[in-house]
Amino acid sequence: AETKAEHGAIDALILCAGTISHKHLVDSTDEEWRSILDVNLMGVVNPVREVFPVMAEQGMGKIVALGSIASKIGGVASGPSYVAAKSAVHGLMKWVAKNGADKGIYASVIAPGPVETPMWETVTQRAAPSPNGSVPLGRFGQPEDIAQAILFLASPASNWITGTVLDVNGGMLMD
């Protein structure tokens, strides 16, 4: 409400908060699952719930959420709660795309592979894949690689794209 009041519209909503768990299914607790789901899934649901009617009223808007390659391949070095949460984000954004299309709302997901961030450092300490062995482009991603994909999906250059999951992973997954 504050953003709309100050700027007159909400053109784009970018959802990129996340946290990871490495716990195996049998070692995980309900509390850990709730924590991962609260950040990775509800951290998308709640803002979308607020912004969807605003974008519908104004007849336009772009929503881009960060999912994960983990949801497409069953994990990289993460536990099942992370995979499940990111898979739910992928499904939610497809629902938003389908139900928002006639209102001018576009919704897509970026599914990054390994990107050198503080979160990824916790993964690499657990024997994550090396860039030379599993990423055809021979390097881990940089935050700027993901930012460029976000800019594309939030811009008019993507006006014929909605409901998609864009793989940004250096060729690690070729769909």
N, C-alpha and C. Protein backbone atom coordinates (compact mmCIF):
# COMPACT_ATOMS: atom_id res chain seq x y z
N ALA A 1 0.83 -1.18 0.00
CA ALA A 1 0.00 0.00 0.00
C ALA A 1 0.88 1.26 0.00
N GLU A 2 1.95 1.23 0.80
CA GLU A 2 2.85 2.38 0.84
C GLU A 2 3.53 2.61 -0.50
N THR A 3 3.98 1.53 -1.13
CA THR A 3 4.66 1.66 -2.42
C THR A 3 3.72 2.21 -3.47
N LYS A 4 2.50 1.67 -3.53
CA LYS A 4 1.53 2.16 -4.50
C LYS A 4 1.19 3.62 -4.23
N ALA A 5 1.00 3.97 -2.97
CA ALA A 5 0.68 5.35 -2.63
C ALA A 5 1.81 6.30 -3.03
N GLU A 6 3.04 5.90 -2.80
CA GLU A 6 4.17 6.75 -3.09
C GLU A 6 4.48 6.85 -4.58
N HIS A 7 4.35 5.72 -5.31
CA HIS A 7 4.77 5.68 -6.71
C HIS A 7 3.61 5.58 -7.70
N GLY A 8 2.40 5.35 -7.21
CA GLY A 8 1.24 5.28 -8.09
C GLY A 8 0.96 3.92 -8.69
N ALA A 9 1.93 3.04 -8.68
CA ALA A 9 1.76 1.70 -9.26
C ALA A 9 2.85 0.78 -8.73
N ILE A 10 2.64 -0.50 -8.91
CA ILE A 10 3.69 -1.49 -8.63
C ILE A 10 3.91 -2.23 -9.94
N ASP A 11 5.01 -1.93 -10.59
CA ASP A 11 5.30 -2.53 -11.89
C ASP A 11 5.88 -3.93 -11.78
N ALA A 12 6.69 -4.16 -10.75
CA ALA A 12 7.36 -5.45 -10.63
C ALA A 12 7.53 -5.83 -9.17
N LEU A 13 7.44 -7.12 -8.94
CA LEU A 13 7.71 -7.70 -7.63
C LEU A 13 8.77 -8.77 -7.84
N ILE A 14 9.90 -8.62 -7.17
CA ILE A 14 11.01 -9.56 -7.29
C ILE A 14 11.17 -10.25 -5.94
N LEU A 15 11.11 -11.57 -5.96
CA LEU A 15 11.12 -12.36 -4.73
C LEU A 15 12.38 -13.23 -4.70
N CYS A 16 13.33 -12.85 -3.85
CA CYS A 16 14.61 -13.57 -3.90
C CYS A 16 15.20 -13.91 -2.54
N ALA A 17 14.39 -13.91 -1.51
CA ALA A 17 14.91 -14.34 -0.21
C ALA A 17 14.94 -15.87 -0.17
N GLY A 18 15.88 -16.40 0.53
CA GLY A 18 15.95 -17.85 0.64
C GLY A 18 16.89 -18.28 1.73
N THR A 19 16.65 -19.48 2.21
CA THR A 19 17.52 -20.11 3.18
C THR A 19 17.55 -21.59 2.86
N ILE A 20 18.58 -22.26 3.28
CA ILE A 20 18.77 -23.66 2.89
C ILE A 20 18.96 -24.55 4.11
N SER A 21 18.57 -25.77 3.95
CA SER A 21 18.83 -26.79 4.97
C SER A 21 19.53 -27.96 4.29
N HIS A 22 20.44 -28.57 5.01
CA HIS A 22 21.18 -29.71 4.47
C HIS A 22 20.74 -31.02 5.14
N LYS A 23 19.81 -30.93 6.06
CA LYS A 23 19.42 -32.12 6.83
C LYS A 23 18.74 -33.16 5.95
N HIS A 24 19.13 -34.39 6.14
CA HIS A 24 18.49 -35.52 5.48
C HIS A 24 17.07 -35.65 6.03
N LEU A 25 16.19 -36.20 5.25
CA LEU A 25 14.79 -36.34 5.64
C LEU A 25 14.63 -36.97 7.01
N VAL A 26 15.34 -38.05 7.27
CA VAL A 26 15.15 -38.77 8.53
C VAL A 26 15.74 -38.03 9.72
N ASP A 27 16.62 -37.07 9.46
CA ASP A 27 17.22 -36.29 10.55
C ASP A 27 16.54 -34.95 10.77
N SER A 28 15.61 -34.59 9.91
CA SER A 28 14.98 -33.27 9.99
C SER A 28 13.83 -33.27 11.00
N THR A 29 13.54 -32.07 11.50
CA THR A 29 12.45 -31.91 12.47
C THR A 29 11.34 -31.05 11.85
N ASP A 30 10.18 -31.12 12.45
CA ASP A 30 9.07 -30.27 12.00
C ASP A 30 9.44 -28.80 12.10
N GLU A 31 10.13 -28.44 13.15
CA GLU A 31 10.53 -27.04 13.34
C GLU A 31 11.45 -26.58 12.21
N GLU A 32 12.40 -27.41 11.80
CA GLU A 32 13.30 -27.06 10.69
C GLU A 32 12.52 -26.93 9.38
N TRP A 33 11.58 -27.84 9.14
CA TRP A 33 10.74 -27.76 7.95
C TRP A 33 9.95 -26.45 7.94
N ARG A 34 9.34 -26.12 9.07
CA ARG A 34 8.56 -24.88 9.14
C ARG A 34 9.44 -23.67 8.85
N SER A 35 10.64 -23.66 9.39
CA SER A 35 11.56 -22.55 9.17
C SER A 35 11.90 -22.40 7.69
N ILE A 36 12.22 -23.49 7.02
CA ILE A 36 12.56 -23.44 5.59
C ILE A 36 11.34 -23.04 4.77
N LEU A 37 10.18 -23.61 5.08
CA LEU A 37 8.96 -23.27 4.34
C LEU A 37 8.54 -21.82 4.59
N ASP A 38 8.72 -21.32 5.80
CA ASP A 38 8.37 -19.94 6.11
C ASP A 38 9.15 -18.95 5.24
N VAL A 39 10.43 -19.17 5.10
CA VAL A 39 11.24 -18.24 4.32
C VAL A 39 11.06 -18.47 2.82
N ASN A 40 11.26 -19.71 2.37
CA ASN A 40 11.31 -19.99 0.94
C ASN A 40 9.95 -20.02 0.26
N LEU A 41 8.92 -20.47 0.94
CA LEU A 41 7.59 -20.51 0.33
C LEU A 41 6.72 -19.35 0.79
N MET A 42 6.54 -19.20 2.07
CA MET A 42 5.67 -18.12 2.56
C MET A 42 6.27 -16.75 2.28
N GLY A 43 7.58 -16.68 2.15
CA GLY A 43 8.23 -15.44 1.76
C GLY A 43 7.89 -15.04 0.32
N VAL A 44 7.32 -15.95 -0.44
CA VAL A 44 6.79 -15.66 -1.78
C VAL A 44 5.27 -15.48 -1.70
N VAL A 45 4.61 -16.39 -1.01
CA VAL A 45 3.14 -16.34 -0.92
C VAL A 45 2.66 -15.00 -0.38
N ASN A 46 3.19 -14.56 0.73
CA ASN A 46 2.68 -13.35 1.39
C ASN A 46 2.81 -12.09 0.53
N PRO A 47 3.98 -11.79 -0.06
CA PRO A 47 4.04 -10.61 -0.91
C PRO A 47 3.16 -10.72 -2.16
N VAL A 48 3.09 -11.92 -2.75
CA VAL A 48 2.25 -12.09 -3.93
C VAL A 48 0.78 -11.88 -3.56
N ARG A 49 0.38 -12.39 -2.43
CA ARG A 49 -1.00 -12.21 -1.96
C ARG A 49 -1.34 -10.73 -1.84
N GLU A 50 -0.40 -9.92 -1.41
CA GLU A 50 -0.62 -8.48 -1.25
C GLU A 50 -0.60 -7.74 -2.58
N VAL A 51 0.30 -8.12 -3.46
CA VAL A 51 0.52 -7.37 -4.70
C VAL A 51 -0.41 -7.80 -5.83
N PHE A 52 -0.84 -9.05 -5.85
CA PHE A 52 -1.70 -9.56 -6.92
C PHE A 52 -2.92 -8.65 -7.16
N PRO A 53 -3.70 -8.30 -6.12
CA PRO A 53 -4.86 -7.45 -6.38
C PRO A 53 -4.49 -6.04 -6.86
N VAL A 54 -3.36 -5.52 -6.42
CA VAL A 54 -2.91 -4.20 -6.87
C VAL A 54 -2.59 -4.26 -8.36
N MET A 55 -1.83 -5.27 -8.76
CA MET A 55 -1.48 -5.41 -10.17
C MET A 55 -2.72 -5.68 -11.02
N ALA A 56 -3.64 -6.49 -10.50
CA ALA A 56 -4.89 -6.76 -11.23
C ALA A 56 -5.68 -5.49 -11.44
N GLU A 57 -5.76 -4.65 -10.43
CA GLU A 57 -6.50 -3.39 -10.53
C GLU A 57 -5.87 -2.44 -11.55
N GLN A 58 -4.54 -2.40 -11.57
CA GLN A 58 -3.86 -1.50 -12.51
C GLN A 58 -3.73 -2.12 -13.90
N GLY A 59 -4.03 -3.42 -14.02
CA GLY A 59 -4.02 -4.08 -15.32
C GLY A 59 -2.66 -4.47 -15.84
N MET A 60 -1.68 -4.52 -14.96
CA MET A 60 -0.34 -4.93 -15.38
C MET A 60 0.58 -5.16 -14.20
N GLY A 61 1.60 -5.96 -14.43
CA GLY A 61 2.63 -6.19 -13.43
C GLY A 61 3.44 -7.43 -13.76
N LYS A 62 4.67 -7.43 -13.33
CA LYS A 62 5.57 -8.57 -13.53
C LYS A 62 6.01 -9.07 -12.16
N ILE A 63 5.91 -10.38 -11.98
CA ILE A 63 6.35 -11.02 -10.74
C ILE A 63 7.41 -12.05 -11.11
N VAL A 64 8.56 -11.94 -10.48
CA VAL A 64 9.66 -12.87 -10.71
C VAL A 64 10.11 -13.42 -9.37
N ALA A 65 10.09 -14.75 -9.26
CA ALA A 65 10.52 -15.41 -8.02
C ALA A 65 11.74 -16.26 -8.30
N LEU A 66 12.61 -16.36 -7.30
CA LEU A 66 13.73 -17.28 -7.42
C LEU A 66 13.32 -18.64 -6.89
N GLY A 67 13.40 -19.61 -7.77
CA GLY A 67 13.22 -21.00 -7.40
C GLY A 67 14.61 -21.60 -7.24
N SER A 68 14.79 -22.80 -7.81
CA SER A 68 16.10 -23.43 -7.72
C SER A 68 16.20 -24.62 -8.66
N ILE A 69 17.38 -24.84 -9.17
CA ILE A 69 17.65 -26.05 -9.93
C ILE A 69 17.35 -27.28 -9.05
N ALA A 70 17.50 -27.11 -7.73
CA ALA A 70 17.27 -28.23 -6.80
C ALA A 70 15.86 -28.79 -6.94
N SER A 71 14.89 -27.93 -7.24
CA SER A 71 13.52 -28.42 -7.37
C SER A 71 13.31 -29.21 -8.64
N LYS A 72 14.18 -29.04 -9.61
CA LYS A 72 14.04 -29.73 -10.89
C LYS A 72 14.80 -31.05 -10.93
N ILE A 73 15.82 -31.17 -10.06
CA ILE A 73 16.64 -32.39 -10.11
C ILE A 73 16.69 -33.13 -8.78
N GLY A 74 15.86 -32.70 -7.83
CA GLY A 74 15.82 -33.39 -6.54
C GLY A 74 16.89 -32.96 -5.55
N GLY A 75 17.50 -31.82 -5.80
CA GLY A 75 18.52 -31.30 -4.90
C GLY A 75 19.88 -31.29 -5.54
N VAL A 76 20.73 -30.43 -5.05
CA VAL A 76 22.13 -30.38 -5.46
C VAL A 76 22.94 -30.86 -4.26
N ALA A 77 22.91 -30.09 -3.19
CA ALA A 77 23.54 -30.50 -1.94
C ALA A 77 22.64 -30.09 -0.78
N SER A 78 21.37 -29.90 -1.07
CA SER A 78 20.42 -29.43 -0.07
C SER A 78 19.57 -30.58 0.44
N GLY A 79 18.87 -30.32 1.53
CA GLY A 79 17.96 -31.31 2.08
C GLY A 79 16.59 -31.23 1.43
N PRO A 80 15.72 -32.16 1.76
CA PRO A 80 14.41 -32.24 1.11
C PRO A 80 13.48 -31.07 1.41
N SER A 81 13.64 -30.41 2.55
CA SER A 81 12.76 -29.28 2.85
C SER A 81 13.00 -28.14 1.87
N TYR A 82 14.24 -27.90 1.51
CA TYR A 82 14.57 -26.86 0.53
C TYR A 82 14.02 -27.22 -0.84
N VAL A 83 14.22 -28.46 -1.24
CA VAL A 83 13.71 -28.93 -2.54
C VAL A 83 12.19 -28.78 -2.59
N ALA A 84 11.51 -29.19 -1.54
CA ALA A 84 10.05 -29.10 -1.50
C ALA A 84 9.58 -27.65 -1.54
N ALA A 85 10.22 -26.78 -0.78
CA ALA A 85 9.82 -25.37 -0.75
C ALA A 85 10.00 -24.71 -2.11
N LYS A 86 11.13 -24.96 -2.75
CA LYS A 86 11.37 -24.34 -4.06
C LYS A 86 10.46 -24.96 -5.13
N SER A 87 10.15 -26.23 -5.02
CA SER A 87 9.19 -26.84 -5.94
C SER A 87 7.82 -26.19 -5.79
N ALA A 88 7.44 -25.89 -4.56
CA ALA A 88 6.16 -25.22 -4.32
C ALA A 88 6.16 -23.81 -4.92
N VAL A 89 7.29 -23.12 -4.87
CA VAL A 89 7.40 -21.79 -5.49
C VAL A 89 7.17 -21.91 -6.99
N HIS A 90 7.76 -22.91 -7.62
CA HIS A 90 7.57 -23.11 -9.06
C HIS A 90 6.09 -23.30 -9.37
N GLY A 91 5.42 -24.15 -8.61
CA GLY A 91 4.00 -24.39 -8.83
C GLY A 91 3.14 -23.17 -8.57
N LEU A 92 3.42 -22.46 -7.49
CA LEU A 92 2.67 -21.26 -7.16
C LEU A 92 2.77 -20.23 -8.28
N MET A 93 3.95 -20.01 -8.78
CA MET A 93 4.12 -18.99 -9.81
C MET A 93 3.43 -19.38 -11.11
N LYS A 94 3.34 -20.67 -11.40
CA LYS A 94 2.56 -21.10 -12.57
C LYS A 94 1.08 -20.79 -12.34
N TRP A 95 0.60 -21.00 -11.13
CA TRP A 95 -0.79 -20.66 -10.81
C TRP A 95 -1.01 -19.16 -10.99
N VAL A 96 -0.08 -18.35 -10.47
CA VAL A 96 -0.20 -16.89 -10.59
C VAL A 96 -0.21 -16.49 -12.06
N ALA A 97 0.65 -17.08 -12.87
CA ALA A 97 0.70 -16.76 -14.30
C ALA A 97 -0.63 -17.10 -14.97
N LYS A 98 -1.15 -18.25 -14.68
CA LYS A 98 -2.40 -18.70 -15.30
C LYS A 98 -3.57 -17.84 -14.86
N ASN A 99 -3.65 -17.52 -13.59
CA ASN A 99 -4.78 -16.77 -13.06
C ASN A 99 -4.61 -15.26 -13.15
N GLY A 100 -3.43 -14.81 -13.48
CA GLY A 100 -3.19 -13.38 -13.61
C GLY A 100 -3.10 -12.92 -15.06
N ALA A 101 -2.99 -13.83 -15.99
CA ALA A 101 -2.77 -13.46 -17.40
C ALA A 101 -3.84 -12.52 -17.92
N ASP A 102 -5.09 -12.81 -17.65
CA ASP A 102 -6.17 -11.95 -18.17
C ASP A 102 -6.24 -10.61 -17.44
N LYS A 103 -5.43 -10.44 -16.42
CA LYS A 103 -5.38 -9.19 -15.67
C LYS A 103 -4.09 -8.42 -15.96
N GLY A 104 -3.30 -8.93 -16.93
CA GLY A 104 -2.05 -8.26 -17.28
C GLY A 104 -0.89 -8.59 -16.35
N ILE A 105 -1.05 -9.65 -15.54
CA ILE A 105 0.01 -10.04 -14.60
C ILE A 105 0.82 -11.18 -15.21
N TYR A 106 2.10 -10.96 -15.29
CA TYR A 106 3.05 -11.97 -15.76
C TYR A 106 3.75 -12.54 -14.52
N ALA A 107 4.01 -13.84 -14.52
CA ALA A 107 4.71 -14.43 -13.38
C ALA A 107 5.65 -15.51 -13.89
N SER A 108 6.88 -15.46 -13.47
CA SER A 108 7.88 -16.43 -13.88
C SER A 108 8.83 -16.72 -12.74
N VAL A 109 9.60 -17.77 -12.94
CA VAL A 109 10.57 -18.22 -11.94
C VAL A 109 11.93 -18.31 -12.60
N ILE A 110 12.94 -17.95 -11.87
CA ILE A 110 14.32 -18.22 -12.28
C ILE A 110 14.82 -19.35 -11.40
N ALA A 111 15.35 -20.38 -12.03
CA ALA A 111 15.89 -21.53 -11.30
C ALA A 111 17.41 -21.52 -11.42
N PRO A 112 18.07 -20.82 -10.48
CA PRO A 112 19.52 -20.77 -10.55
C PRO A 112 20.16 -22.11 -10.22
N GLY A 113 21.31 -22.31 -10.83
CA GLY A 113 22.19 -23.38 -10.39
C GLY A 113 23.08 -22.79 -9.30
N PRO A 114 24.24 -23.37 -9.11
CA PRO A 114 25.13 -22.86 -8.06
C PRO A 114 25.63 -21.45 -8.35
N VAL A 115 25.33 -20.54 -7.42
CA VAL A 115 25.74 -19.14 -7.54
C VAL A 115 26.56 -18.80 -6.31
N GLU A 116 27.68 -18.14 -6.52
CA GLU A 116 28.58 -17.80 -5.41
C GLU A 116 27.97 -16.71 -4.54
N THR A 117 27.27 -17.14 -3.51
CA THR A 117 26.64 -16.27 -2.52
C THR A 117 26.97 -16.83 -1.14
N PRO A 118 26.69 -16.09 -0.10
CA PRO A 118 26.91 -16.65 1.25
C PRO A 118 26.12 -17.95 1.47
N MET A 119 24.92 -18.07 0.92
CA MET A 119 24.16 -19.31 1.09
C MET A 119 24.88 -20.48 0.40
N TRP A 120 25.41 -20.23 -0.78
CA TRP A 120 26.09 -21.30 -1.52
C TRP A 120 27.36 -21.75 -0.80
N GLU A 121 28.00 -20.84 -0.06
CA GLU A 121 29.20 -21.24 0.69
C GLU A 121 28.89 -22.37 1.67
N THR A 122 27.70 -22.37 2.25
CA THR A 122 27.34 -23.46 3.16
C THR A 122 27.19 -24.77 2.41
N VAL A 123 26.84 -24.69 1.13
CA VAL A 123 26.70 -25.89 0.31
C VAL A 123 28.07 -26.42 -0.08
N THR A 124 28.97 -25.53 -0.49
CA THR A 124 30.28 -25.97 -0.96
C THR A 124 31.09 -26.63 0.15
N GLN A 125 30.76 -26.30 1.38
CA GLN A 125 31.44 -26.96 2.50
C GLN A 125 30.98 -28.42 2.63
N ARG A 126 29.95 -28.80 1.90
CA ARG A 126 29.40 -30.15 1.97
C ARG A 126 29.69 -30.92 0.69
N ALA A 127 30.80 -30.63 0.03
CA ALA A 127 31.22 -31.33 -1.18
C ALA A 127 30.23 -31.17 -2.32
N ALA A 128 29.87 -29.94 -2.58
CA ALA A 128 29.01 -29.63 -3.72
C ALA A 128 29.78 -29.86 -5.01
N PRO A 129 29.10 -29.88 -6.12
CA PRO A 129 29.79 -30.12 -7.39
C PRO A 129 30.81 -29.05 -7.69
N SER A 130 31.89 -29.45 -8.37
CA SER A 130 32.88 -28.46 -8.78
C SER A 130 32.43 -27.87 -10.11
N PRO A 131 32.74 -26.63 -10.36
CA PRO A 131 32.28 -26.03 -11.61
C PRO A 131 32.85 -26.71 -12.84
N ASN A 132 34.06 -27.20 -12.74
CA ASN A 132 34.67 -27.83 -13.91
C ASN A 132 34.09 -29.20 -14.21
N GLY A 133 33.53 -29.86 -13.21
CA GLY A 133 33.01 -31.20 -13.42
C GLY A 133 31.53 -31.24 -13.75
N SER A 134 30.75 -30.26 -13.31
CA SER A 134 29.30 -30.36 -13.49
C SER A 134 28.66 -29.19 -14.19
N VAL A 135 29.39 -28.10 -14.37
CA VAL A 135 28.84 -26.92 -15.02
C VAL A 135 29.58 -26.72 -16.34
N PRO A 136 28.91 -26.97 -17.46
CA PRO A 136 29.59 -26.88 -18.75
C PRO A 136 30.31 -25.55 -19.01
N LEU A 137 29.76 -24.44 -18.50
CA LEU A 137 30.45 -23.17 -18.70
C LEU A 137 31.69 -23.03 -17.83
N GLY A 138 31.94 -24.01 -16.95
CA GLY A 138 33.19 -24.06 -16.21
C GLY A 138 33.33 -23.12 -15.04
N ARG A 139 32.24 -22.57 -14.56
CA ARG A 139 32.32 -21.68 -13.40
C ARG A 139 30.96 -21.68 -12.69
N PHE A 140 30.99 -21.33 -11.41
CA PHE A 140 29.75 -21.09 -10.70
C PHE A 140 29.22 -19.73 -11.14
N GLY A 141 27.91 -19.55 -10.97
CA GLY A 141 27.30 -18.28 -11.32
C GLY A 141 27.68 -17.19 -10.34
N GLN A 142 27.48 -15.98 -10.80
CA GLN A 142 27.68 -14.79 -9.97
C GLN A 142 26.31 -14.15 -9.77
N PRO A 143 26.13 -13.42 -8.67
CA PRO A 143 24.84 -12.75 -8.47
C PRO A 143 24.40 -11.92 -9.68
N GLU A 144 25.35 -11.32 -10.38
CA GLU A 144 25.03 -10.51 -11.55
C GLU A 144 24.38 -11.34 -12.64
N ASP A 145 24.74 -12.62 -12.76
CA ASP A 145 24.13 -13.49 -13.76
C ASP A 145 22.63 -13.64 -13.50
N ILE A 146 22.27 -13.76 -12.25
CA ILE A 146 20.87 -13.91 -11.88
C ILE A 146 20.16 -12.57 -12.02
N ALA A 147 20.82 -11.49 -11.63
CA ALA A 147 20.22 -10.15 -11.75
C ALA A 147 19.86 -9.83 -13.20
N GLN A 148 20.69 -10.22 -14.13
CA GLN A 148 20.40 -9.96 -15.55
C GLN A 148 19.16 -10.72 -16.00
N ALA A 149 19.00 -11.95 -15.54
CA ALA A 149 17.81 -12.73 -15.88
C ALA A 149 16.56 -12.10 -15.26
N ILE A 150 16.68 -11.62 -14.03
CA ILE A 150 15.56 -10.93 -13.38
C ILE A 150 15.18 -9.69 -14.18
N LEU A 151 16.17 -8.91 -14.56
CA LEU A 151 15.90 -7.69 -15.35
C LEU A 151 15.17 -8.03 -16.64
N PHE A 152 15.59 -9.10 -17.30
CA PHE A 152 14.93 -9.51 -18.54
C PHE A 152 13.46 -9.86 -18.29
N LEU A 153 13.20 -10.69 -17.29
CA LEU A 153 11.82 -11.12 -17.04
C LEU A 153 10.94 -9.98 -16.51
N ALA A 154 11.53 -8.99 -15.89
CA ALA A 154 10.76 -7.86 -15.38
C ALA A 154 10.58 -6.76 -16.43
N SER A 155 11.22 -6.91 -17.57
CA SER A 155 11.19 -5.86 -18.59
C SER A 155 10.19 -6.18 -19.69
N PRO A 156 9.90 -5.19 -20.54
CA PRO A 156 9.03 -5.42 -21.70
C PRO A 156 9.62 -6.43 -22.70
N ALA A 157 10.92 -6.69 -22.62
CA ALA A 157 11.54 -7.66 -23.53
C ALA A 157 10.96 -9.07 -23.35
N SER A 158 10.29 -9.31 -22.22
CA SER A 158 9.72 -10.65 -21.96
C SER A 158 8.19 -10.65 -22.06
N ASN A 159 7.62 -9.75 -22.82
CA ASN A 159 6.17 -9.62 -22.86
C ASN A 159 5.42 -10.78 -23.53
N TRP A 160 6.08 -11.79 -23.98
CA TRP A 160 5.42 -12.98 -24.51
C TRP A 160 5.83 -14.20 -23.67
N ILE A 161 6.28 -13.94 -22.44
CA ILE A 161 6.73 -15.00 -21.55
C ILE A 161 6.00 -14.87 -20.22
N THR A 162 5.33 -15.92 -19.81
CA THR A 162 4.74 -16.00 -18.47
C THR A 162 4.61 -17.47 -18.10
N GLY A 163 4.64 -17.74 -16.83
CA GLY A 163 4.49 -19.11 -16.35
C GLY A 163 5.68 -20.01 -16.62
N THR A 164 6.80 -19.42 -16.93
CA THR A 164 7.97 -20.21 -17.26
C THR A 164 8.91 -20.33 -16.07
N VAL A 165 9.73 -21.36 -16.12
CA VAL A 165 10.85 -21.51 -15.19
C VAL A 165 12.10 -21.39 -16.04
N LEU A 166 12.82 -20.30 -15.87
CA LEU A 166 14.02 -20.03 -16.65
C LEU A 166 15.23 -20.61 -15.93
N ASP A 167 15.88 -21.56 -16.56
CA ASP A 167 17.09 -22.16 -15.99
C ASP A 167 18.27 -21.25 -16.24
N VAL A 168 18.94 -20.84 -15.16
CA VAL A 168 20.12 -19.99 -15.25
C VAL A 168 21.20 -20.71 -14.44
N ASN A 169 21.91 -21.61 -15.12
CA ASN A 169 22.78 -22.52 -14.38
C ASN A 169 24.06 -22.91 -15.12
N GLY A 170 24.46 -22.13 -16.09
CA GLY A 170 25.72 -22.42 -16.79
C GLY A 170 25.70 -23.70 -17.59
N GLY A 171 24.52 -24.22 -17.89
CA GLY A 171 24.40 -25.46 -18.64
C GLY A 171 24.32 -26.71 -17.78
N MET A 172 24.29 -26.54 -16.47
CA MET A 172 24.23 -27.70 -15.56
C MET A 172 22.99 -28.54 -15.80
N LEU A 173 21.89 -27.91 -16.14
CA LEU A 173 20.65 -28.61 -16.50
C LEU A 173 20.22 -28.07 -17.85
N MET A 174 20.14 -28.94 -18.81
CA MET A 174 19.69 -28.56 -20.15
C MET A 174 18.37 -29.23 -20.41
N ASP A 175 17.31 -28.44 -20.30
CA ASP A 175 15.94 -28.91 -20.49
C ASP A 175 15.48 -28.67 -21.89
